[in-house]
N, C-alpha and C. Protein backbone atom coordinates (compact mmCIF):
# COMPACT_ATOMS: atom_id res chain seq x y z
N MET A 1 -12.73 -16.42 -9.48
CA MET A 1 -12.24 -15.75 -8.19
C MET A 1 -13.23 -14.26 -8.32
N VAL A 2 -13.63 -14.26 -7.19
CA VAL A 2 -14.22 -12.95 -6.86
C VAL A 2 -13.59 -12.44 -6.10
N LEU A 3 -13.97 -10.66 -5.89
CA LEU A 3 -12.99 -9.88 -5.07
C LEU A 3 -13.64 -10.03 -3.35
N GLY A 4 -14.59 -10.75 -2.98
CA GLY A 4 -14.97 -11.38 -1.55
C GLY A 4 -13.87 -12.45 -1.16
N ASP A 5 -13.38 -13.15 -2.27
CA ASP A 5 -12.39 -14.29 -1.80
C ASP A 5 -11.16 -13.61 -1.41
N ILE A 6 -10.64 -12.39 -1.92
CA ILE A 6 -9.51 -11.76 -1.65
C ILE A 6 -9.55 -10.74 -0.93
N ALA A 7 -10.67 -10.35 -0.60
CA ALA A 7 -10.73 -8.71 0.32
C ALA A 7 -11.77 -8.99 1.27
N GLU A 8 -11.39 -8.48 2.48
CA GLU A 8 -12.74 -8.07 3.37
C GLU A 8 -13.40 -6.95 3.09
N ILE A 9 -14.45 -6.69 2.58
CA ILE A 9 -15.16 -5.63 2.63
C ILE A 9 -16.38 -4.93 3.78
N LYS A 10 -16.02 -3.95 3.88
CA LYS A 10 -17.07 -3.45 4.83
C LYS A 10 -17.32 -1.96 4.36
N THR A 11 -18.41 -1.62 5.12
CA THR A 11 -19.07 -0.33 4.55
C THR A 11 -18.76 0.75 5.76
N GLY A 12 -18.77 2.01 5.19
CA GLY A 12 -18.29 3.05 6.27
C GLY A 12 -19.33 3.28 7.24
N LEU A 13 -19.11 4.49 8.04
CA LEU A 13 -19.92 4.56 9.07
C LEU A 13 -21.44 5.54 8.41
N VAL A 14 -22.32 5.17 9.38
CA VAL A 14 -23.66 6.04 9.10
C VAL A 14 -23.71 7.40 10.01
N LEU A 15 -23.11 8.41 9.28
CA LEU A 15 -23.01 9.45 9.81
C LEU A 15 -24.17 10.48 11.06
N THR A 16 -25.41 10.03 10.61
CA THR A 16 -26.39 10.71 11.26
C THR A 16 -26.30 10.20 12.66
N ARG A 17 -25.84 9.33 12.96
CA ARG A 17 -26.03 8.39 14.13
C ARG A 17 -25.13 8.74 15.07
N LYS A 18 -23.55 9.49 14.77
CA LYS A 18 -22.84 10.06 15.47
C LYS A 18 -22.42 11.66 15.32
N LYS A 19 -23.19 12.11 14.56
CA LYS A 19 -23.03 13.85 14.30
C LYS A 19 -23.34 14.35 15.63
N ALA A 20 -22.59 15.16 16.13
CA ALA A 20 -23.02 16.25 17.26
C ALA A 20 -23.89 17.14 16.78
N GLU A 21 -25.15 17.24 17.52
CA GLU A 21 -26.26 18.43 17.01
C GLU A 21 -25.91 19.78 17.97
N PHE A 22 -25.21 19.87 18.86
CA PHE A 22 -24.83 21.18 19.41
C PHE A 22 -23.23 20.92 20.02
N PRO A 23 -22.90 21.99 20.43
CA PRO A 23 -21.14 22.20 20.46
C PRO A 23 -20.95 21.50 21.92
N ASN A 24 -21.62 21.52 22.84
CA ASN A 24 -21.25 20.77 24.15
C ASN A 24 -21.40 19.17 24.14
N GLU A 25 -22.26 18.78 22.89
CA GLU A 25 -22.04 17.37 22.66
C GLU A 25 -20.63 16.72 22.10
N VAL A 26 -19.90 17.48 21.27
CA VAL A 26 -18.74 17.45 20.47
C VAL A 26 -17.60 16.55 21.19
N LYS A 27 -17.08 15.26 20.95
CA LYS A 27 -16.27 14.50 21.93
C LYS A 27 -15.13 14.49 20.86
N ALA A 28 -14.94 14.64 19.83
CA ALA A 28 -13.85 14.45 19.03
C ALA A 28 -14.54 14.74 17.66
N THR A 29 -13.29 15.53 16.65
CA THR A 29 -13.24 16.07 15.60
C THR A 29 -12.35 15.43 14.63
N TYR A 30 -13.41 14.93 13.29
CA TYR A 30 -12.32 14.04 12.45
C TYR A 30 -12.22 14.47 11.34
N LYS A 31 -10.92 14.13 10.17
CA LYS A 31 -11.33 14.64 8.81
C LYS A 31 -12.10 13.51 8.06
N LEU A 32 -12.96 13.86 7.47
CA LEU A 32 -13.97 13.02 6.46
C LEU A 32 -14.01 13.09 5.15
N ILE A 33 -13.75 11.89 4.34
CA ILE A 33 -13.69 11.64 3.16
C ILE A 33 -15.28 12.24 2.80
N THR A 34 -15.38 12.75 2.03
CA THR A 34 -16.63 13.18 1.06
C THR A 34 -16.69 12.76 -0.48
N LEU A 35 -17.97 12.93 -1.26
CA LEU A 35 -17.85 12.74 -2.83
C LEU A 35 -16.94 13.36 -3.43
N LYS A 36 -17.15 14.73 -2.67
CA LYS A 36 -16.36 15.85 -3.61
C LYS A 36 -14.62 15.81 -3.47
N ASN A 37 -14.50 15.37 -2.69
CA ASN A 37 -12.89 14.89 -2.76
C ASN A 37 -12.54 14.21 -3.63
N ILE A 38 -12.93 13.28 -4.28
CA ILE A 38 -12.68 12.29 -5.55
C ILE A 38 -13.38 12.54 -7.01
N THR A 39 -12.27 12.44 -7.74
CA THR A 39 -12.56 12.78 -9.06
C THR A 39 -13.19 11.32 -9.85
N ASP A 40 -14.19 11.54 -10.91
CA ASP A 40 -14.77 10.05 -11.22
C ASP A 40 -13.51 9.32 -11.95
N ASN A 41 -12.63 9.37 -12.15
CA ASN A 41 -11.33 8.48 -12.75
C ASN A 41 -10.48 8.23 -11.11
N GLY A 42 -10.60 8.12 -10.06
CA GLY A 42 -10.48 7.54 -8.85
C GLY A 42 -9.22 8.24 -8.45
N ILE A 43 -9.15 9.47 -8.26
CA ILE A 43 -7.81 10.27 -7.81
C ILE A 43 -8.44 11.38 -7.00
N PHE A 44 -7.58 11.80 -5.71
CA PHE A 44 -7.90 12.78 -4.69
C PHE A 44 -7.92 13.90 -5.59
N ASN A 45 -8.70 15.15 -5.49
CA ASN A 45 -8.52 16.16 -5.95
C ASN A 45 -8.09 17.27 -4.91
N ASP A 46 -8.17 18.46 -5.07
CA ASP A 46 -7.34 19.68 -4.11
C ASP A 46 -8.51 19.85 -3.06
N GLU A 47 -9.62 19.52 -3.12
CA GLU A 47 -10.99 19.99 -2.41
C GLU A 47 -10.58 19.60 -0.94
N PRO A 48 -10.32 20.51 0.10
CA PRO A 48 -9.83 19.81 1.66
C PRO A 48 -11.14 19.30 2.15
N PHE A 49 -10.70 18.34 2.93
CA PHE A 49 -11.54 17.29 3.69
C PHE A 49 -12.17 17.91 4.74
N GLU A 50 -13.79 17.50 4.87
CA GLU A 50 -14.55 18.17 5.90
C GLU A 50 -14.29 17.90 7.24
N ASN A 51 -14.50 18.38 8.37
CA ASN A 51 -14.48 18.11 9.59
C ASN A 51 -15.82 17.75 10.29
N PHE A 52 -15.90 16.20 10.73
CA PHE A 52 -16.90 15.75 11.31
C PHE A 52 -16.59 15.60 13.02
N GLN A 53 -18.02 16.68 13.22
CA GLN A 53 -17.82 16.69 14.79
C GLN A 53 -18.81 15.60 15.33
N SER A 54 -18.14 14.46 16.06
CA SER A 54 -18.84 13.11 16.51
C SER A 54 -19.19 13.22 18.08
N ASN A 55 -20.56 12.80 18.36
CA ASN A 55 -20.81 13.00 19.56
C ASN A 55 -20.23 11.63 20.59
N ASP A 56 -19.43 10.74 19.55
CA ASP A 56 -18.79 9.97 20.57
C ASP A 56 -17.29 9.70 19.91
N LEU A 57 -16.41 8.90 20.63
CA LEU A 57 -15.30 8.50 20.42
C LEU A 57 -15.43 7.04 19.09
N LEU A 58 -14.83 7.44 17.94
CA LEU A 58 -15.42 6.14 17.05
C LEU A 58 -13.99 5.04 16.97
N SER A 59 -14.88 3.82 16.42
CA SER A 59 -13.87 3.02 16.49
C SER A 59 -12.88 2.88 15.02
N PRO A 60 -11.55 2.59 15.34
CA PRO A 60 -10.62 2.86 14.18
C PRO A 60 -11.25 1.86 12.85
N GLN A 61 -11.99 1.14 12.98
CA GLN A 61 -12.55 0.32 11.97
C GLN A 61 -13.35 0.90 10.80
N HIS A 62 -13.67 2.67 11.53
CA HIS A 62 -14.42 3.42 10.44
C HIS A 62 -13.42 4.36 9.57
N PHE A 63 -12.15 4.12 9.74
CA PHE A 63 -11.13 5.03 9.08
C PHE A 63 -10.08 4.43 7.90
N THR A 64 -9.72 4.92 7.27
CA THR A 64 -8.97 4.26 6.26
C THR A 64 -7.94 3.99 6.83
N GLU A 65 -7.10 2.80 6.27
CA GLU A 65 -5.63 2.78 6.42
C GLU A 65 -4.73 2.77 5.37
N TYR A 66 -3.70 3.02 5.52
CA TYR A 66 -2.62 2.89 4.21
C TYR A 66 -2.85 1.35 3.61
N GLY A 67 -3.09 1.65 2.22
CA GLY A 67 -3.44 0.33 1.77
C GLY A 67 -4.60 -0.14 1.46
N ASP A 68 -5.84 0.52 1.95
CA ASP A 68 -7.30 0.26 1.74
C ASP A 68 -7.37 0.64 0.37
N VAL A 69 -8.86 0.22 -0.18
CA VAL A 69 -9.17 0.69 -1.40
C VAL A 69 -10.61 0.99 -0.98
N LEU A 70 -11.33 2.76 -1.44
CA LEU A 70 -12.44 2.60 -1.16
C LEU A 70 -12.89 2.54 -2.48
N MET A 71 -14.39 2.47 -2.25
CA MET A 71 -15.46 2.06 -3.46
C MET A 71 -16.55 3.08 -3.10
N ARG A 72 -16.81 3.78 -3.97
CA ARG A 72 -18.20 4.53 -4.15
C ARG A 72 -19.36 3.26 -4.37
N LEU A 73 -20.16 3.71 -3.76
CA LEU A 73 -21.27 2.47 -3.59
C LEU A 73 -22.56 2.90 -4.58
N SER A 74 -22.62 4.81 -4.93
CA SER A 74 -23.33 4.71 -5.58
C SER A 74 -22.78 5.18 -7.24
N TYR A 75 -23.53 5.49 -8.15
CA TYR A 75 -22.84 5.67 -9.69
C TYR A 75 -22.24 6.77 -9.46
N PRO A 76 -20.87 6.88 -9.91
CA PRO A 76 -20.21 5.87 -10.88
C PRO A 76 -19.25 4.83 -10.32
N HIS A 77 -19.84 4.59 -9.30
CA HIS A 77 -18.46 3.40 -8.21
C HIS A 77 -17.28 3.55 -8.52
N THR A 78 -16.84 4.71 -8.42
CA THR A 78 -15.11 5.15 -8.24
C THR A 78 -14.58 4.33 -7.28
N ALA A 79 -13.57 3.94 -7.73
CA ALA A 79 -12.30 3.24 -6.48
C ALA A 79 -11.75 4.16 -6.43
N ILE A 80 -10.80 3.96 -4.94
CA ILE A 80 -9.78 4.85 -4.75
C ILE A 80 -8.60 4.44 -4.15
N TYR A 81 -7.42 4.45 -4.39
CA TYR A 81 -6.38 4.12 -3.54
C TYR A 81 -6.07 4.93 -2.41
N ILE A 82 -5.80 4.56 -1.20
CA ILE A 82 -6.03 5.27 0.14
C ILE A 82 -4.16 4.87 0.28
N ASN A 83 -3.48 6.26 0.31
CA ASN A 83 -2.08 6.46 0.73
C ASN A 83 -1.79 7.16 1.57
N GLU A 84 -0.59 7.33 2.02
CA GLU A 84 -0.28 7.47 3.67
C GLU A 84 -0.68 9.02 3.81
N ALA A 85 -1.08 9.84 2.93
CA ALA A 85 -1.32 11.14 2.86
C ALA A 85 -3.05 11.13 3.38
N THR A 86 -3.49 10.26 2.74
CA THR A 86 -4.67 9.93 3.02
C THR A 86 -5.54 8.79 4.34
N ALA A 87 -4.63 8.55 4.75
CA ALA A 87 -4.86 7.50 5.87
C ALA A 87 -5.37 8.08 7.12
N GLY A 88 -6.45 7.27 7.79
CA GLY A 88 -6.71 7.83 9.05
C GLY A 88 -7.76 9.00 8.85
N SER A 89 -8.24 8.82 7.56
CA SER A 89 -9.55 9.78 7.51
C SER A 89 -11.00 8.98 7.79
N LEU A 90 -11.91 9.32 7.90
CA LEU A 90 -13.30 8.96 8.31
C LEU A 90 -13.88 8.53 7.30
N VAL A 91 -14.52 7.36 7.08
CA VAL A 91 -15.07 6.93 6.02
C VAL A 91 -16.73 6.77 6.27
N PRO A 92 -17.57 7.86 5.41
CA PRO A 92 -19.11 7.66 5.51
C PRO A 92 -19.66 6.43 4.72
N SER A 93 -20.79 6.34 5.05
CA SER A 93 -21.60 5.04 4.89
C SER A 93 -21.69 4.84 3.03
N TYR A 94 -21.72 5.49 2.14
CA TYR A 94 -21.56 5.76 0.97
C TYR A 94 -20.42 5.18 0.28
N PHE A 95 -19.38 4.85 0.83
CA PHE A 95 -18.19 4.30 0.64
C PHE A 95 -18.27 2.92 1.36
N ALA A 96 -17.47 1.72 0.55
CA ALA A 96 -17.00 0.77 0.94
C ALA A 96 -15.54 0.66 1.16
N ILE A 97 -14.99 -0.16 2.54
CA ILE A 97 -13.97 0.00 2.62
C ILE A 97 -13.45 -1.56 2.25
N VAL A 98 -12.33 -2.01 1.06
CA VAL A 98 -11.88 -2.98 0.70
C VAL A 98 -10.21 -3.36 1.05
N LYS A 99 -10.25 -4.08 1.89
CA LYS A 99 -9.02 -4.60 2.70
C LYS A 99 -8.36 -5.86 1.68
N VAL A 100 -7.38 -5.65 0.80
CA VAL A 100 -6.92 -6.73 0.21
C VAL A 100 -5.91 -7.51 1.06
N ASP A 101 -5.71 -8.71 0.25
CA ASP A 101 -4.81 -9.61 0.68
C ASP A 101 -3.71 -9.39 -0.23
N GLU A 102 -2.67 -8.58 0.44
CA GLU A 102 -1.70 -8.48 -0.17
C GLU A 102 -0.53 -9.47 -0.76
N PHE A 103 -1.00 -10.39 -0.29
CA PHE A 103 0.19 -11.45 -0.63
C PHE A 103 -0.02 -12.02 -2.01
N LYS A 104 -1.52 -11.75 -2.48
CA LYS A 104 -1.88 -12.09 -3.78
C LYS A 104 -1.74 -10.84 -4.72
N PHE A 105 -2.50 -9.94 -4.00
CA PHE A 105 -2.77 -8.66 -4.96
C PHE A 105 -2.34 -7.18 -4.63
N LEU A 106 -1.62 -6.23 -5.34
CA LEU A 106 -1.52 -5.10 -4.82
C LEU A 106 -2.93 -4.30 -4.71
N PRO A 107 -3.25 -3.36 -3.89
CA PRO A 107 -4.29 -2.74 -3.66
C PRO A 107 -4.46 -1.67 -4.54
N GLU A 108 -3.53 -1.02 -5.28
CA GLU A 108 -3.41 -0.10 -6.35
C GLU A 108 -4.03 -0.81 -7.85
N TYR A 109 -3.69 -2.27 -7.79
CA TYR A 109 -4.06 -2.92 -8.91
C TYR A 109 -5.66 -3.37 -8.69
N ILE A 110 -5.84 -3.48 -7.90
CA ILE A 110 -7.36 -3.62 -7.39
C ILE A 110 -8.44 -2.24 -7.51
N ALA A 111 -7.77 -1.23 -7.33
CA ALA A 111 -8.43 0.09 -7.15
C ALA A 111 -8.44 0.28 -8.81
N TRP A 112 -7.60 0.18 -9.56
CA TRP A 112 -7.44 0.33 -11.08
C TRP A 112 -8.63 -0.74 -11.56
N TYR A 113 -8.47 -1.83 -11.34
CA TYR A 113 -9.38 -2.86 -11.89
C TYR A 113 -10.99 -2.52 -11.62
N LEU A 114 -11.07 -2.10 -10.21
CA LEU A 114 -12.62 -1.95 -9.79
C LEU A 114 -13.08 -0.84 -10.78
N ASN A 115 -12.10 0.22 -11.26
CA ASN A 115 -12.31 1.32 -12.08
C ASN A 115 -12.70 1.34 -13.56
N THR A 116 -12.35 -0.42 -13.97
CA THR A 116 -12.50 -0.41 -15.50
C THR A 116 -14.03 -0.47 -15.83
N GLU A 117 -13.89 -0.26 -16.93
CA GLU A 117 -15.46 -0.32 -17.65
C GLU A 117 -16.24 -1.46 -17.15
N SER A 118 -15.53 -3.01 -17.74
CA SER A 118 -16.10 -3.81 -17.19
C SER A 118 -16.89 -4.39 -15.78
N VAL A 119 -16.12 -3.66 -15.09
CA VAL A 119 -16.66 -3.90 -13.60
C VAL A 119 -17.48 -3.12 -13.59
N LYS A 120 -17.51 -1.61 -13.96
CA LYS A 120 -18.59 -0.33 -13.72
C LYS A 120 -19.87 -1.25 -14.32
N LYS A 121 -19.90 -1.73 -15.56
CA LYS A 121 -20.94 -2.38 -16.22
C LYS A 121 -21.44 -3.76 -15.47
N GLU A 122 -20.94 -4.21 -15.00
CA GLU A 122 -21.20 -5.58 -14.02
C GLU A 122 -21.83 -4.94 -12.76
N LEU A 123 -21.37 -4.08 -12.12
CA LEU A 123 -21.98 -3.60 -11.02
C LEU A 123 -23.41 -2.69 -11.35
N GLU A 124 -23.45 -2.15 -12.49
CA GLU A 124 -24.86 -1.79 -12.89
C GLU A 124 -25.71 -3.03 -13.18
N ARG A 125 -25.08 -3.78 -13.80
CA ARG A 125 -26.37 -5.01 -14.17
C ARG A 125 -26.55 -5.43 -12.89
N SER A 126 -26.04 -5.53 -11.89
CA SER A 126 -26.50 -6.17 -10.37
C SER A 126 -27.58 -5.28 -9.88
N GLN A 127 -27.42 -4.12 -10.36
CA GLN A 127 -28.44 -3.13 -9.77
C GLN A 127 -29.42 -2.57 -10.85
N ALA A 128 -30.01 -3.69 -11.83
CA ALA A 128 -30.74 -3.10 -12.63
C ALA A 128 -32.31 -3.09 -12.38
N GLY A 129 -32.94 -1.91 -12.20
CA GLY A 129 -34.35 -2.06 -11.95
C GLY A 129 -34.62 -0.72 -10.66
N THR A 130 -33.25 -0.59 -10.72
CA THR A 130 -33.53 0.68 -9.30
C THR A 130 -33.45 1.97 -9.96
N ARG A 131 -33.89 2.94 -9.30
CA ARG A 131 -33.93 3.94 -10.07
C ARG A 131 -32.77 5.04 -9.55
N ILE A 132 -32.16 4.85 -8.80
CA ILE A 132 -30.57 5.22 -8.37
C ILE A 132 -29.96 4.21 -8.10
N PRO A 133 -28.82 4.14 -9.28
CA PRO A 133 -27.81 2.87 -9.41
C PRO A 133 -26.99 2.77 -8.01
N SER A 134 -27.12 2.28 -7.31
CA SER A 134 -26.39 2.23 -6.18
C SER A 134 -26.00 0.74 -6.17
N THR A 135 -24.59 0.31 -5.25
CA THR A 135 -24.44 -1.10 -4.93
C THR A 135 -24.39 -1.36 -3.47
N ASN A 136 -24.07 -2.47 -3.33
CA ASN A 136 -23.94 -3.13 -1.76
C ASN A 136 -22.82 -4.00 -1.55
N LYS A 137 -22.54 -4.60 -0.30
CA LYS A 137 -21.72 -5.28 -0.22
C LYS A 137 -21.45 -6.58 -0.65
N SER A 138 -22.63 -7.33 -0.91
CA SER A 138 -22.99 -8.62 -1.75
C SER A 138 -22.48 -8.34 -3.13
N ALA A 139 -23.00 -7.21 -3.82
CA ALA A 139 -22.73 -7.25 -4.96
C ALA A 139 -21.19 -6.98 -5.35
N LEU A 140 -20.33 -6.25 -4.24
CA LEU A 140 -19.13 -5.96 -4.55
C LEU A 140 -18.47 -7.27 -4.36
N SER A 141 -18.70 -8.06 -3.35
CA SER A 141 -18.06 -9.08 -2.72
C SER A 141 -17.98 -10.28 -3.99
N ALA A 142 -19.36 -10.31 -5.03
CA ALA A 142 -19.27 -10.75 -6.36
C ALA A 142 -18.75 -10.55 -7.58
N VAL A 143 -17.90 -9.04 -7.55
CA VAL A 143 -17.53 -9.00 -8.71
C VAL A 143 -15.98 -9.95 -8.98
N PRO A 144 -16.15 -10.37 -10.37
CA PRO A 144 -15.33 -11.44 -10.62
C PRO A 144 -13.43 -10.65 -10.85
N ILE A 145 -12.65 -11.21 -10.29
CA ILE A 145 -11.06 -10.69 -10.48
C ILE A 145 -10.41 -11.59 -11.24
N GLU A 146 -9.52 -10.93 -11.89
CA GLU A 146 -8.65 -11.71 -12.59
C GLU A 146 -7.40 -11.81 -11.85
N GLU A 147 -6.84 -13.20 -11.81
CA GLU A 147 -5.63 -13.14 -11.12
C GLU A 147 -4.45 -13.23 -11.67
N ILE A 148 -3.68 -12.33 -12.09
CA ILE A 148 -2.41 -12.38 -12.95
C ILE A 148 -1.31 -11.93 -11.63
N PRO A 149 0.00 -12.11 -12.22
CA PRO A 149 1.33 -12.14 -11.65
C PRO A 149 1.52 -10.92 -10.71
N LEU A 150 1.81 -10.78 -9.78
CA LEU A 150 2.31 -9.57 -9.07
C LEU A 150 3.10 -8.65 -10.33
N SER A 151 3.85 -9.36 -10.88
CA SER A 151 4.95 -8.42 -11.67
C SER A 151 4.03 -7.76 -12.56
N LYS A 152 2.82 -8.65 -13.38
CA LYS A 152 2.11 -7.63 -14.24
C LYS A 152 1.13 -6.78 -13.55
N GLN A 153 0.75 -6.87 -12.25
CA GLN A 153 -0.05 -6.13 -11.52
C GLN A 153 0.76 -4.60 -11.49
N GLN A 154 2.03 -5.06 -11.03
CA GLN A 154 3.09 -3.76 -10.85
C GLN A 154 3.25 -2.89 -12.08
N ALA A 155 3.22 -3.66 -13.24
CA ALA A 155 3.26 -2.92 -14.43
C ALA A 155 2.16 -2.19 -14.90
N ILE A 156 1.03 -2.67 -14.40
CA ILE A 156 -0.31 -1.87 -14.79
C ILE A 156 -0.45 -0.40 -14.04
N VAL A 157 -0.20 -1.09 -12.76
CA VAL A 157 0.09 0.34 -11.95
C VAL A 157 1.20 1.29 -12.15
N LYS A 158 1.95 1.02 -12.64
CA LYS A 158 3.10 1.92 -13.31
C LYS A 158 2.58 2.71 -14.03
N LEU A 159 2.14 1.74 -15.25
CA LEU A 159 1.47 2.50 -16.27
C LEU A 159 0.20 3.56 -16.16
N TYR A 160 -0.69 3.04 -15.04
CA TYR A 160 -1.72 3.99 -14.61
C TYR A 160 -1.58 5.01 -14.18
N ASN A 161 -0.66 4.81 -13.35
CA ASN A 161 0.27 6.00 -12.55
C ASN A 161 0.67 7.18 -13.38
N LEU A 162 1.50 6.71 -14.78
CA LEU A 162 2.14 7.59 -15.66
C LEU A 162 0.87 8.02 -16.34
N HIS A 163 -0.15 7.25 -16.69
CA HIS A 163 -1.32 8.18 -17.28
C HIS A 163 -1.94 8.98 -16.66
N GLN A 164 -2.17 8.87 -15.38
CA GLN A 164 -2.69 10.16 -14.36
C GLN A 164 -1.92 11.32 -14.37
N LYS A 165 -0.57 11.03 -14.17
CA LYS A 165 0.31 12.27 -14.54
C LYS A 165 0.20 12.92 -15.74
N GLU A 166 0.15 12.25 -16.73
CA GLU A 166 0.02 12.65 -18.10
C GLU A 166 -1.42 13.59 -17.98
N ARG A 167 -2.59 12.84 -18.03
CA ARG A 167 -3.86 13.50 -17.88
C ARG A 167 -3.95 15.13 -17.09
N ALA A 168 -3.33 14.75 -15.96
CA ALA A 168 -3.19 16.08 -15.03
C ALA A 168 -2.57 16.86 -15.66
N LEU A 169 -1.44 16.86 -16.19
CA LEU A 169 -0.77 17.86 -17.13
C LEU A 169 -1.29 18.30 -18.35
N TYR A 170 -2.20 17.35 -19.03
CA TYR A 170 -3.08 17.58 -20.19
C TYR A 170 -3.83 18.89 -19.76
N PHE A 171 -4.62 18.27 -18.79
CA PHE A 171 -5.75 19.35 -18.28
C PHE A 171 -4.98 20.41 -17.44
N LYS A 172 -4.03 20.59 -17.25
CA LYS A 172 -3.28 21.69 -16.95
C LYS A 172 -3.05 22.74 -17.63
N LEU A 173 -2.35 22.08 -18.95
CA LEU A 173 -2.33 23.10 -19.98
C LEU A 173 -3.61 23.56 -20.79
N ILE A 174 -4.61 22.79 -20.86
CA ILE A 174 -5.60 23.02 -21.10
C ILE A 174 -6.04 24.68 -20.38
N ASP A 175 -5.97 24.59 -19.29
CA ASP A 175 -6.46 25.43 -18.23
C ASP A 175 -5.56 26.62 -18.78
N GLU A 176 -4.25 26.48 -18.81
CA GLU A 176 -3.23 27.48 -18.80
C GLU A 176 -3.66 28.21 -20.57
N LYS A 177 -3.84 27.49 -21.37
CA LYS A 177 -4.22 27.88 -22.71
C LYS A 177 -5.62 28.71 -22.67
N GLU A 178 -6.54 28.24 -21.82
CA GLU A 178 -7.74 28.99 -21.70
C GLU A 178 -7.67 30.85 -21.13
N LYS A 179 -6.61 30.49 -19.81
CA LYS A 179 -6.55 31.82 -19.30
C LYS A 179 -5.69 32.65 -20.40
N TRP A 180 -4.91 32.09 -21.14
CA TRP A 180 -3.96 32.69 -22.01
C TRP A 180 -4.98 33.20 -23.06
N PHE A 181 -5.82 32.53 -23.53
CA PHE A 181 -6.65 33.04 -24.74
C PHE A 181 -7.74 34.26 -23.85
N THR A 182 -8.27 34.11 -22.66
CA THR A 182 -8.94 35.17 -22.29
C THR A 182 -8.29 36.50 -22.26
N ALA A 183 -7.00 36.03 -21.63
CA ALA A 183 -5.99 37.37 -21.45
C ALA A 183 -5.81 38.32 -22.81
N VAL A 184 -5.60 37.57 -23.83
CA VAL A 184 -5.10 38.16 -25.40
C VAL A 184 -6.39 38.93 -25.50
N THR A 185 -7.33 37.81 -25.58
CA THR A 185 -8.94 38.46 -26.25
C THR A 185 -9.15 39.85 -25.47
N LYS A 186 -8.92 39.82 -24.21
CA LYS A 186 -9.34 41.12 -23.57
C LYS A 186 -8.27 42.19 -23.66
N GLN A 187 -7.18 41.96 -23.88
CA GLN A 187 -6.20 42.87 -24.68
C GLN A 187 -6.50 43.57 -25.99
N LEU A 188 -6.84 42.58 -26.80
CA LEU A 188 -7.08 43.17 -28.21
C LEU A 188 -8.37 43.92 -28.05
N LEU A 189 -9.47 43.27 -27.23
CA LEU A 189 -10.45 44.38 -27.27
C LEU A 189 -10.61 45.68 -26.62
N LYS A 190 -9.54 45.76 -25.64
CA LYS A 190 -8.99 47.15 -25.05
C LYS A 190 -8.67 47.80 -26.06
N GLY A 191 -7.54 47.33 -26.51
CA GLY A 191 -6.60 48.06 -27.66
C GLY A 191 -7.72 48.71 -28.83
N GLU A 192 -8.44 48.05 -29.10
CA GLU A 192 -9.82 48.36 -29.88
C GLU A 192 -10.19 49.54 -29.36
N LYS A 193 -10.57 49.45 -28.03
CA LYS A 193 -11.33 50.65 -27.31
C LYS A 193 -10.50 51.85 -27.44
N GLU A 194 -9.34 51.85 -26.98
CA GLU A 194 -8.69 52.97 -27.21
C GLU A 194 -8.34 53.52 -28.37
N GLU A 195 -8.33 52.75 -29.62
CA GLU A 195 -8.20 53.26 -30.92
C GLU A 195 -9.22 54.19 -31.56
N GLU A 196 -10.89 53.66 -30.87
CA GLU A 196 -11.98 54.27 -31.27
C GLU A 196 -11.72 55.86 -30.92
N LYS A 197 -11.25 55.87 -29.58
CA LYS A 197 -11.15 56.90 -28.77
C LYS A 197 -10.16 58.04 -29.72
């Protein structure tokens, strides 16, 4: 079984065709997902979404829907699950929109699966010989998918979400420790200078 068997895959909008060049051309402004909104391990960061000023009213097919999976078409080929908070965002052409058959697969499981090392290596192999590793719809459609029961998919998703929370806490702790270390060393240096006086 391959991804194309269990999902509809389409690419995002080529932005240059619809970008308003002058203020009087603006027909609508949309929230745009960009590469800087997504971490390499497949979660949204705190970066605000950009506003895209369009010279036309855009079709709903170019926007995220709850339950979609976005796949970055260039290296590192990161997949990200679209939740309620990120639904309704405009998708540029450097992402593919993957709409999963939810009777057999959980979209969160597919997002996790697409982020595994084996899938990333598979996509790299399919793009051998190109200078900038990027993939396309047909290479993505050919990604092999392991069919496992929904209960196991749910268990993986639960474990993955817990892992992501732990990672976030870990990095927050490191950041706090860095701030503490900087403050303490500054204080020690300041005390040293006052003693010299």
